[in-house]
Amino acid sequence: MEQTDPYSLEPVINEQELMGRKTVLNRLIAAAKSSNIGSSIIHGQKRVGKTSVARVLQSYLTKMDYTVIYLEAGDYIDPTAKKTISGLGVKLCNKIREYEPRVAHLSVPQFGEALSPLTEFMDEVERIVPGHRLVIILDEFDQLPLDLYLRGSLGDAFFLTLRSISSRPNI
């Protein structure tokens, strides 16, 4: 016991280690199991277990044969909004191809200043693997470049694409 860190800052990844957040976890599991997965948000102050809940959700859903893409902020956020959009699109497509072998042959679309090519990629994934459930977890989403939160062509297009993707029943 003396050689362990009782106050680790690392997120937990299994349900047995998750303390005090089971209600949030169960709400997210119910959303993922519903007929239309949709989108959800985990919010709260720093160090309250949001990442741990997301990681446990990933572990739980993966065991249920979902494809779960978990990205930390450092995986997809760039200092500029346009590079963030492009990098996020490429990263998501590559992760889907990696985790779902039946779509590994699909080409990754070009992402210029819009995330919208992801919708066509997702259409192809659905055509090849109909009904397969996909959950995308973007940790530290609030760290996106400010330009993506502003009303205007770039921010509106970004969030409309996210809305379009999350309105699909299996995503």
N, C-alpha and C. Protein backbone atom coordinates (compact mmCIF):
# COMPACT_ATOMS: atom_id res chain seq x y z
N MET A 1 0.81 -1.18 0.00
CA MET A 1 0.00 0.00 0.00
C MET A 1 0.87 1.26 0.00
N GLU A 2 1.98 1.22 0.71
CA GLU A 2 2.85 2.37 0.77
C GLU A 2 3.49 2.69 -0.57
N GLN A 3 3.54 1.73 -1.46
CA GLN A 3 4.19 1.94 -2.75
C GLN A 3 3.20 2.26 -3.86
N THR A 4 1.96 2.55 -3.53
CA THR A 4 0.98 2.91 -4.54
C THR A 4 0.59 4.38 -4.38
N ASP A 5 0.09 4.95 -5.44
CA ASP A 5 -0.34 6.34 -5.43
C ASP A 5 -1.86 6.38 -5.25
N PRO A 6 -2.34 6.69 -4.07
CA PRO A 6 -3.79 6.69 -3.85
C PRO A 6 -4.50 7.85 -4.54
N TYR A 7 -3.75 8.83 -5.02
CA TYR A 7 -4.34 10.00 -5.64
C TYR A 7 -3.86 10.17 -7.08
N SER A 8 -3.88 9.09 -7.81
CA SER A 8 -3.42 9.12 -9.20
C SER A 8 -4.26 10.09 -10.02
N LEU A 9 -3.62 10.78 -10.93
CA LEU A 9 -4.30 11.70 -11.83
C LEU A 9 -4.70 11.02 -13.14
N GLU A 10 -4.36 9.75 -13.27
CA GLU A 10 -4.70 9.01 -14.48
C GLU A 10 -6.16 8.59 -14.44
N PRO A 11 -6.85 8.66 -15.60
CA PRO A 11 -8.25 8.22 -15.62
C PRO A 11 -8.34 6.71 -15.43
N VAL A 12 -9.44 6.28 -14.85
CA VAL A 12 -9.68 4.85 -14.73
C VAL A 12 -10.28 4.35 -16.04
N ILE A 13 -10.17 3.05 -16.28
CA ILE A 13 -10.69 2.51 -17.54
C ILE A 13 -11.68 1.36 -17.35
N ASN A 14 -11.89 0.95 -16.10
CA ASN A 14 -12.88 -0.11 -15.90
C ASN A 14 -13.90 0.32 -14.86
N GLU A 15 -15.08 -0.25 -14.97
CA GLU A 15 -16.22 0.17 -14.17
C GLU A 15 -15.99 -0.04 -12.67
N GLN A 16 -15.23 -1.05 -12.30
CA GLN A 16 -15.00 -1.33 -10.89
C GLN A 16 -14.23 -0.20 -10.21
N GLU A 17 -13.39 0.50 -10.95
CA GLU A 17 -12.59 1.59 -10.38
C GLU A 17 -13.31 2.93 -10.41
N LEU A 18 -14.42 3.02 -11.13
CA LEU A 18 -15.15 4.28 -11.27
C LEU A 18 -15.99 4.53 -10.03
N MET A 19 -15.71 5.59 -9.33
CA MET A 19 -16.41 5.89 -8.08
C MET A 19 -17.25 7.17 -8.23
N GLY A 20 -18.51 7.08 -7.83
CA GLY A 20 -19.35 8.25 -7.77
C GLY A 20 -19.84 8.79 -9.09
N ARG A 21 -19.63 8.09 -10.19
CA ARG A 21 -20.03 8.58 -11.51
C ARG A 21 -20.88 7.56 -12.26
N LYS A 22 -21.38 6.55 -11.56
CA LYS A 22 -22.14 5.48 -12.21
C LYS A 22 -23.43 5.99 -12.85
N THR A 23 -24.06 6.99 -12.25
CA THR A 23 -25.30 7.53 -12.82
C THR A 23 -25.03 8.14 -14.19
N VAL A 24 -23.95 8.90 -14.29
CA VAL A 24 -23.57 9.50 -15.57
C VAL A 24 -23.24 8.41 -16.57
N LEU A 25 -22.47 7.42 -16.14
CA LEU A 25 -22.11 6.32 -17.02
C LEU A 25 -23.35 5.59 -17.52
N ASN A 26 -24.28 5.28 -16.63
CA ASN A 26 -25.49 4.57 -17.03
C ASN A 26 -26.34 5.38 -18.01
N ARG A 27 -26.37 6.69 -17.84
CA ARG A 27 -27.11 7.56 -18.77
C ARG A 27 -26.48 7.50 -20.17
N LEU A 28 -25.15 7.50 -20.22
CA LEU A 28 -24.46 7.42 -21.51
C LEU A 28 -24.62 6.05 -22.16
N ILE A 29 -24.58 5.00 -21.37
CA ILE A 29 -24.80 3.65 -21.90
C ILE A 29 -26.20 3.54 -22.47
N ALA A 30 -27.19 4.08 -21.75
CA ALA A 30 -28.57 4.05 -22.24
C ALA A 30 -28.69 4.80 -23.56
N ALA A 31 -28.02 5.93 -23.67
CA ALA A 31 -28.05 6.70 -24.92
C ALA A 31 -27.43 5.90 -26.06
N ALA A 32 -26.32 5.24 -25.79
CA ALA A 32 -25.64 4.45 -26.82
C ALA A 32 -26.46 3.23 -27.25
N LYS A 33 -27.26 2.70 -26.34
CA LYS A 33 -28.08 1.53 -26.65
C LYS A 33 -29.42 1.89 -27.29
N SER A 34 -29.79 3.17 -27.26
CA SER A 34 -31.09 3.57 -27.79
C SER A 34 -31.13 3.40 -29.31
N SER A 35 -32.31 3.50 -29.87
CA SER A 35 -32.46 3.30 -31.32
C SER A 35 -31.70 4.35 -32.12
N ASN A 36 -31.49 5.52 -31.57
CA ASN A 36 -30.70 6.56 -32.21
C ASN A 36 -29.68 7.04 -31.19
N ILE A 37 -28.40 6.73 -31.41
CA ILE A 37 -27.36 7.05 -30.43
C ILE A 37 -27.33 8.55 -30.13
N GLY A 38 -27.32 9.39 -31.15
CA GLY A 38 -27.31 10.83 -30.95
C GLY A 38 -26.00 11.33 -30.36
N SER A 39 -26.07 12.48 -29.71
CA SER A 39 -24.86 13.03 -29.10
C SER A 39 -25.12 13.33 -27.63
N SER A 40 -24.05 13.30 -26.88
CA SER A 40 -24.12 13.56 -25.43
C SER A 40 -22.92 14.40 -25.05
N ILE A 41 -23.02 14.99 -23.90
CA ILE A 41 -21.91 15.78 -23.38
C ILE A 41 -21.72 15.45 -21.91
N ILE A 42 -20.47 15.38 -21.50
CA ILE A 42 -20.13 15.24 -20.09
C ILE A 42 -19.47 16.57 -19.72
N HIS A 43 -20.01 17.25 -18.74
CA HIS A 43 -19.43 18.53 -18.37
C HIS A 43 -19.24 18.60 -16.86
N GLY A 44 -18.38 19.50 -16.47
CA GLY A 44 -18.12 19.70 -15.05
C GLY A 44 -16.75 20.31 -14.87
N GLN A 45 -16.44 20.60 -13.64
CA GLN A 45 -15.15 21.19 -13.31
C GLN A 45 -14.02 20.20 -13.62
N LYS A 46 -12.82 20.72 -13.65
CA LYS A 46 -11.66 19.86 -13.85
C LYS A 46 -11.51 18.89 -12.69
N ARG A 47 -10.99 17.70 -13.01
CA ARG A 47 -10.64 16.68 -12.02
C ARG A 47 -11.85 16.06 -11.33
N VAL A 48 -13.02 16.02 -12.00
CA VAL A 48 -14.19 15.38 -11.39
C VAL A 48 -14.47 14.00 -12.00
N GLY A 49 -13.68 13.60 -13.00
CA GLY A 49 -13.84 12.25 -13.55
C GLY A 49 -14.49 12.17 -14.91
N LYS A 50 -14.55 13.26 -15.66
CA LYS A 50 -15.16 13.23 -17.00
C LYS A 50 -14.42 12.28 -17.93
N THR A 51 -13.11 12.37 -17.95
CA THR A 51 -12.33 11.48 -18.81
C THR A 51 -12.46 10.04 -18.36
N SER A 52 -12.50 9.81 -17.07
CA SER A 52 -12.68 8.44 -16.56
C SER A 52 -14.01 7.87 -17.02
N VAL A 53 -15.07 8.66 -16.96
CA VAL A 53 -16.38 8.19 -17.43
C VAL A 53 -16.30 7.84 -18.91
N ALA A 54 -15.66 8.71 -19.70
CA ALA A 54 -15.53 8.46 -21.13
C ALA A 54 -14.73 7.19 -21.41
N ARG A 55 -13.66 6.98 -20.66
CA ARG A 55 -12.83 5.79 -20.86
C ARG A 55 -13.57 4.51 -20.45
N VAL A 56 -14.31 4.56 -19.37
CA VAL A 56 -15.08 3.39 -18.94
C VAL A 56 -16.19 3.11 -19.95
N LEU A 57 -16.82 4.16 -20.46
CA LEU A 57 -17.83 3.99 -21.51
C LEU A 57 -17.22 3.32 -22.73
N GLN A 58 -16.04 3.76 -23.12
CA GLN A 58 -15.34 3.14 -24.25
C GLN A 58 -15.11 1.66 -23.99
N SER A 59 -14.63 1.33 -22.83
CA SER A 59 -14.35 -0.07 -22.48
C SER A 59 -15.64 -0.90 -22.50
N TYR A 60 -16.69 -0.37 -21.93
CA TYR A 60 -17.97 -1.07 -21.85
C TYR A 60 -18.54 -1.33 -23.25
N LEU A 61 -18.58 -0.29 -24.08
CA LEU A 61 -19.18 -0.42 -25.41
C LEU A 61 -18.34 -1.30 -26.34
N THR A 62 -17.04 -1.26 -26.19
CA THR A 62 -16.17 -2.10 -27.01
C THR A 62 -16.48 -3.58 -26.75
N LYS A 63 -16.76 -3.92 -25.51
CA LYS A 63 -17.12 -5.30 -25.17
C LYS A 63 -18.45 -5.70 -25.78
N MET A 64 -19.28 -4.71 -26.11
CA MET A 64 -20.59 -4.97 -26.71
C MET A 64 -20.52 -4.93 -28.24
N ASP A 65 -19.32 -4.96 -28.79
CA ASP A 65 -19.09 -4.98 -30.24
C ASP A 65 -19.42 -3.66 -30.94
N TYR A 66 -19.32 -2.57 -30.22
CA TYR A 66 -19.39 -1.24 -30.84
C TYR A 66 -17.98 -0.88 -31.31
N THR A 67 -17.90 -0.07 -32.33
CA THR A 67 -16.61 0.55 -32.66
C THR A 67 -16.60 1.87 -31.92
N VAL A 68 -15.61 2.05 -31.05
CA VAL A 68 -15.52 3.28 -30.26
C VAL A 68 -14.20 3.97 -30.58
N ILE A 69 -14.32 5.17 -31.09
CA ILE A 69 -13.15 5.99 -31.39
C ILE A 69 -13.03 7.02 -30.27
N TYR A 70 -11.94 6.95 -29.52
CA TYR A 70 -11.69 7.90 -28.44
C TYR A 70 -10.49 8.74 -28.84
N LEU A 71 -10.68 10.05 -28.89
CA LEU A 71 -9.58 10.95 -29.21
C LEU A 71 -9.40 11.97 -28.10
N GLU A 72 -8.17 12.10 -27.64
CA GLU A 72 -7.83 13.15 -26.69
C GLU A 72 -7.58 14.43 -27.48
N ALA A 73 -7.67 15.56 -26.80
CA ALA A 73 -7.52 16.86 -27.47
C ALA A 73 -6.23 16.94 -28.28
N GLY A 74 -5.15 16.42 -27.73
CA GLY A 74 -3.87 16.48 -28.44
C GLY A 74 -3.84 15.67 -29.71
N ASP A 75 -4.79 14.75 -29.86
CA ASP A 75 -4.87 13.94 -31.08
C ASP A 75 -5.49 14.68 -32.25
N TYR A 76 -6.32 15.69 -31.97
CA TYR A 76 -7.07 16.29 -33.07
C TYR A 76 -7.09 17.82 -33.08
N ILE A 77 -6.56 18.46 -32.07
CA ILE A 77 -6.62 19.91 -32.02
C ILE A 77 -5.32 20.51 -32.50
N ASP A 78 -5.46 21.46 -33.42
CA ASP A 78 -4.34 22.20 -33.98
C ASP A 78 -4.56 23.67 -33.62
N PRO A 79 -3.54 24.50 -33.64
CA PRO A 79 -3.75 25.91 -33.30
C PRO A 79 -4.73 26.64 -34.22
N THR A 80 -4.89 26.18 -35.45
CA THR A 80 -5.81 26.86 -36.35
C THR A 80 -7.06 26.01 -36.56
N ALA A 81 -8.17 26.68 -36.76
CA ALA A 81 -9.45 25.99 -36.94
C ALA A 81 -9.42 25.11 -38.18
N LYS A 82 -8.90 25.61 -39.28
CA LYS A 82 -8.91 24.85 -40.54
C LYS A 82 -8.06 23.59 -40.43
N LYS A 83 -6.91 23.69 -39.80
CA LYS A 83 -6.07 22.50 -39.63
C LYS A 83 -6.71 21.51 -38.65
N THR A 84 -7.41 22.03 -37.65
CA THR A 84 -8.12 21.16 -36.72
C THR A 84 -9.19 20.36 -37.45
N ILE A 85 -9.96 21.02 -38.30
CA ILE A 85 -11.01 20.34 -39.06
C ILE A 85 -10.41 19.26 -39.93
N SER A 86 -9.39 19.61 -40.68
CA SER A 86 -8.75 18.65 -41.58
C SER A 86 -8.16 17.47 -40.80
N GLY A 87 -7.43 17.78 -39.74
CA GLY A 87 -6.81 16.73 -38.94
C GLY A 87 -7.82 15.82 -38.28
N LEU A 88 -8.92 16.39 -37.79
CA LEU A 88 -9.96 15.59 -37.15
C LEU A 88 -10.60 14.65 -38.16
N GLY A 89 -10.91 15.15 -39.34
CA GLY A 89 -11.51 14.31 -40.38
C GLY A 89 -10.62 13.13 -40.75
N VAL A 90 -9.35 13.42 -41.01
CA VAL A 90 -8.41 12.37 -41.38
C VAL A 90 -8.24 11.37 -40.24
N LYS A 91 -8.10 11.87 -39.02
CA LYS A 91 -7.90 11.00 -37.86
C LYS A 91 -9.10 10.07 -37.66
N LEU A 92 -10.32 10.61 -37.77
CA LEU A 92 -11.52 9.78 -37.59
C LEU A 92 -11.60 8.70 -38.67
N CYS A 93 -11.37 9.08 -39.90
CA CYS A 93 -11.43 8.08 -40.99
C CYS A 93 -10.39 6.99 -40.80
N ASN A 94 -9.17 7.39 -40.45
CA ASN A 94 -8.12 6.39 -40.26
C ASN A 94 -8.42 5.47 -39.08
N LYS A 95 -8.97 6.01 -38.00
CA LYS A 95 -9.31 5.17 -36.85
C LYS A 95 -10.44 4.20 -37.20
N ILE A 96 -11.43 4.66 -37.93
CA ILE A 96 -12.53 3.78 -38.34
C ILE A 96 -11.99 2.67 -39.22
N ARG A 97 -11.13 3.00 -40.15
CA ARG A 97 -10.52 1.99 -41.02
C ARG A 97 -9.68 1.00 -40.21
N GLU A 98 -9.00 1.49 -39.18
CA GLU A 98 -8.16 0.63 -38.34
C GLU A 98 -9.00 -0.31 -37.48
N TYR A 99 -10.08 0.20 -36.89
CA TYR A 99 -10.89 -0.59 -35.97
C TYR A 99 -11.91 -1.49 -36.65
N GLU A 100 -12.29 -1.16 -37.87
CA GLU A 100 -13.29 -1.95 -38.60
C GLU A 100 -12.65 -2.46 -39.89
N PRO A 101 -12.08 -3.68 -39.86
CA PRO A 101 -11.35 -4.21 -41.01
C PRO A 101 -12.15 -4.27 -42.31
N ARG A 102 -13.47 -4.37 -42.21
CA ARG A 102 -14.28 -4.46 -43.42
C ARG A 102 -14.30 -3.18 -44.23
N VAL A 103 -13.84 -2.08 -43.64
CA VAL A 103 -13.81 -0.81 -44.38
C VAL A 103 -12.38 -0.30 -44.56
N ALA A 104 -11.40 -1.14 -44.27
CA ALA A 104 -10.00 -0.72 -44.35
C ALA A 104 -9.61 -0.29 -45.76
N HIS A 105 -10.32 -0.77 -46.77
CA HIS A 105 -9.99 -0.43 -48.15
C HIS A 105 -10.50 0.95 -48.58
N LEU A 106 -11.35 1.56 -47.79
CA LEU A 106 -11.91 2.86 -48.16
C LEU A 106 -10.82 3.93 -48.16
N SER A 107 -10.91 4.83 -49.13
CA SER A 107 -9.97 5.95 -49.19
C SER A 107 -10.40 7.03 -48.21
N VAL A 108 -9.43 7.67 -47.61
CA VAL A 108 -9.70 8.80 -46.73
C VAL A 108 -9.93 10.02 -47.61
N PRO A 109 -11.08 10.68 -47.46
CA PRO A 109 -11.35 11.85 -48.30
C PRO A 109 -10.43 13.02 -47.96
N GLN A 110 -10.40 13.98 -48.84
CA GLN A 110 -9.64 15.21 -48.62
C GLN A 110 -10.49 16.15 -47.76
N PHE A 111 -9.93 16.64 -46.70
CA PHE A 111 -10.60 17.60 -45.84
C PHE A 111 -9.88 18.93 -45.98
N GLY A 112 -10.51 19.85 -46.67
CA GLY A 112 -9.92 21.18 -46.79
C GLY A 112 -10.31 22.00 -45.59
N GLU A 113 -11.30 22.84 -45.78
CA GLU A 113 -11.76 23.71 -44.70
C GLU A 113 -13.08 23.22 -44.10
N ALA A 114 -13.49 22.01 -44.47
CA ALA A 114 -14.77 21.51 -43.99
C ALA A 114 -14.65 20.05 -43.56
N LEU A 115 -15.46 19.69 -42.59
CA LEU A 115 -15.53 18.31 -42.11
C LEU A 115 -16.54 17.50 -42.91
N SER A 116 -17.29 18.15 -43.79
CA SER A 116 -18.40 17.51 -44.50
C SER A 116 -18.02 16.27 -45.31
N PRO A 117 -16.79 16.12 -45.85
CA PRO A 117 -16.49 14.86 -46.53
C PRO A 117 -16.62 13.63 -45.63
N LEU A 118 -16.61 13.85 -44.33
CA LEU A 118 -16.79 12.73 -43.39
C LEU A 118 -18.17 12.09 -43.54
N THR A 119 -19.17 12.87 -43.93
CA THR A 119 -20.51 12.30 -44.07
C THR A 119 -20.56 11.27 -45.18
N GLU A 120 -19.91 11.53 -46.29
CA GLU A 120 -19.87 10.54 -47.39
C GLU A 120 -19.09 9.31 -46.98
N PHE A 121 -18.00 9.51 -46.24
CA PHE A 121 -17.22 8.38 -45.74
C PHE A 121 -18.11 7.51 -44.83
N MET A 122 -18.86 8.15 -43.95
CA MET A 122 -19.75 7.42 -43.05
C MET A 122 -20.85 6.69 -43.82
N ASP A 123 -21.35 7.30 -44.89
CA ASP A 123 -22.33 6.63 -45.74
C ASP A 123 -21.76 5.33 -46.31
N GLU A 124 -20.52 5.37 -46.76
CA GLU A 124 -19.86 4.17 -47.29
C GLU A 124 -19.67 3.11 -46.20
N VAL A 125 -19.28 3.55 -45.01
CA VAL A 125 -19.13 2.61 -43.89
C VAL A 125 -20.46 1.94 -43.62
N GLU A 126 -21.54 2.71 -43.58
CA GLU A 126 -22.87 2.15 -43.32
C GLU A 126 -23.29 1.18 -44.42
N ARG A 127 -22.94 1.49 -45.65
CA ARG A 127 -23.28 0.61 -46.78
C ARG A 127 -22.56 -0.73 -46.65
N ILE A 128 -21.30 -0.70 -46.24
CA ILE A 128 -20.48 -1.92 -46.14
C ILE A 128 -20.80 -2.71 -44.87
N VAL A 129 -21.04 -2.01 -43.78
CA VAL A 129 -21.30 -2.65 -42.49
C VAL A 129 -22.63 -2.10 -41.95
N PRO A 130 -23.75 -2.49 -42.56
CA PRO A 130 -25.03 -1.92 -42.15
C PRO A 130 -25.37 -2.25 -40.69
N GLY A 131 -25.86 -1.23 -40.01
CA GLY A 131 -26.30 -1.44 -38.64
C GLY A 131 -25.21 -1.45 -37.59
N HIS A 132 -23.94 -1.40 -38.00
CA HIS A 132 -22.86 -1.42 -37.01
C HIS A 132 -22.86 -0.12 -36.23
N ARG A 133 -22.70 -0.21 -34.93
CA ARG A 133 -22.77 0.96 -34.05
C ARG A 133 -21.37 1.57 -33.87
N LEU A 134 -21.31 2.88 -34.04
CA LEU A 134 -20.05 3.62 -33.93
C LEU A 134 -20.24 4.76 -32.94
N VAL A 135 -19.35 4.84 -31.96
CA VAL A 135 -19.38 5.93 -31.00
C VAL A 135 -18.06 6.67 -31.09
N ILE A 136 -18.15 7.98 -31.24
CA ILE A 136 -16.97 8.84 -31.31
C ILE A 136 -16.94 9.68 -30.04
N ILE A 137 -15.82 9.59 -29.33
CA ILE A 137 -15.64 10.36 -28.10
C ILE A 137 -14.52 11.35 -28.34
N LEU A 138 -14.85 12.63 -28.27
CA LEU A 138 -13.86 13.70 -28.42
C LEU A 138 -13.65 14.33 -27.05
N ASP A 139 -12.56 13.95 -26.39
CA ASP A 139 -12.26 14.46 -25.06
C ASP A 139 -11.72 15.89 -25.18
N GLU A 140 -12.00 16.70 -24.19
CA GLU A 140 -11.56 18.10 -24.15
C GLU A 140 -12.06 18.88 -25.36
N PHE A 141 -13.30 18.63 -25.75
CA PHE A 141 -13.90 19.29 -26.91
C PHE A 141 -13.91 20.81 -26.75
N ASP A 142 -13.94 21.27 -25.51
CA ASP A 142 -13.95 22.71 -25.25
C ASP A 142 -12.61 23.38 -25.57
N GLN A 143 -11.61 22.59 -25.92
CA GLN A 143 -10.31 23.15 -26.28
C GLN A 143 -10.17 23.44 -27.77
N LEU A 144 -11.25 23.23 -28.53
CA LEU A 144 -11.21 23.54 -29.97
C LEU A 144 -10.83 25.00 -30.17
N PRO A 145 -10.21 25.33 -31.30
CA PRO A 145 -9.91 26.73 -31.59
C PRO A 145 -11.19 27.57 -31.55
N LEU A 146 -11.10 28.75 -31.01
CA LEU A 146 -12.25 29.62 -30.81
C LEU A 146 -13.03 29.88 -32.10
N ASP A 147 -12.35 29.96 -33.23
CA ASP A 147 -13.02 30.22 -34.51
C ASP A 147 -14.11 29.21 -34.81
N LEU A 148 -13.98 27.99 -34.30
CA LEU A 148 -14.99 26.97 -34.58
C LEU A 148 -16.27 27.19 -33.76
N TYR A 149 -16.19 27.96 -32.70
CA TYR A 149 -17.37 28.25 -31.89
C TYR A 149 -18.11 29.51 -32.35
N LEU A 150 -17.47 30.29 -33.21
CA LEU A 150 -18.08 31.53 -33.66
C LEU A 150 -19.07 31.28 -34.78
N ARG A 151 -20.17 32.05 -34.78
CA ARG A 151 -21.12 31.97 -35.89
C ARG A 151 -20.43 32.48 -37.14
N GLY A 152 -20.63 31.78 -38.22
CA GLY A 152 -20.01 32.13 -39.50
C GLY A 152 -19.85 30.88 -40.31
N SER A 153 -19.32 31.04 -41.48
CA SER A 153 -19.26 29.90 -42.41
C SER A 153 -18.45 28.72 -41.85
N LEU A 154 -17.31 28.98 -41.23
CA LEU A 154 -16.46 27.89 -40.74
C LEU A 154 -17.09 27.17 -39.54
N GLY A 155 -17.47 27.91 -38.53
CA GLY A 155 -18.06 27.31 -37.34
C GLY A 155 -19.40 26.65 -37.62
N ASP A 156 -20.24 27.32 -38.41
CA ASP A 156 -21.55 26.74 -38.74
C ASP A 156 -21.40 25.44 -39.51
N ALA A 157 -20.51 25.43 -40.50
CA ALA A 157 -20.31 24.20 -41.30
C ALA A 157 -19.78 23.06 -40.42
N PHE A 158 -18.87 23.38 -39.51
CA PHE A 158 -18.31 22.37 -38.62
C PHE A 158 -19.40 21.74 -37.76
N PHE A 159 -20.18 22.57 -37.08
CA PHE A 159 -21.19 22.03 -36.18
C PHE A 159 -22.37 21.40 -36.93
N LEU A 160 -22.69 21.90 -38.11
CA LEU A 160 -23.75 21.25 -38.90
C LEU A 160 -23.33 19.85 -39.34
N THR A 161 -22.06 19.69 -39.67
CA THR A 161 -21.56 18.36 -40.03
C THR A 161 -21.61 17.43 -38.83
N LEU A 162 -21.18 17.91 -37.67
CA LEU A 162 -21.27 17.08 -36.46
C LEU A 162 -22.72 16.70 -36.17
N ARG A 163 -23.61 17.64 -36.35
CA ARG A 163 -25.04 17.37 -36.14
C ARG A 163 -25.55 16.32 -37.13
N SER A 164 -25.14 16.46 -38.38
CA SER A 164 -25.56 15.51 -39.41
C SER A 164 -25.09 14.10 -39.09
N ILE A 165 -23.84 13.99 -38.68
CA ILE A 165 -23.27 12.67 -38.36
C ILE A 165 -23.96 12.08 -37.13
N SER A 166 -24.14 12.90 -36.10
CA SER A 166 -24.73 12.35 -34.87
C SER A 166 -26.23 12.10 -34.97
N SER A 167 -26.86 12.58 -36.04
CA SER A 167 -28.29 12.30 -36.21
C SER A 167 -28.53 10.95 -36.90
N ARG A 168 -27.48 10.32 -37.36
CA ARG A 168 -27.62 8.99 -37.96
C ARG A 168 -27.82 7.97 -36.84
N PRO A 169 -28.71 7.02 -37.04
CA PRO A 169 -29.09 6.12 -35.94
C PRO A 169 -27.96 5.35 -35.30
N ASN A 170 -26.94 4.97 -36.05
CA ASN A 170 -25.90 4.09 -35.51
C ASN A 170 -24.61 4.81 -35.15
N ILE A 171 -24.62 6.14 -35.19
CA ILE A 171 -23.40 6.90 -34.89
C ILE A 171 -23.68 7.85 -33.74
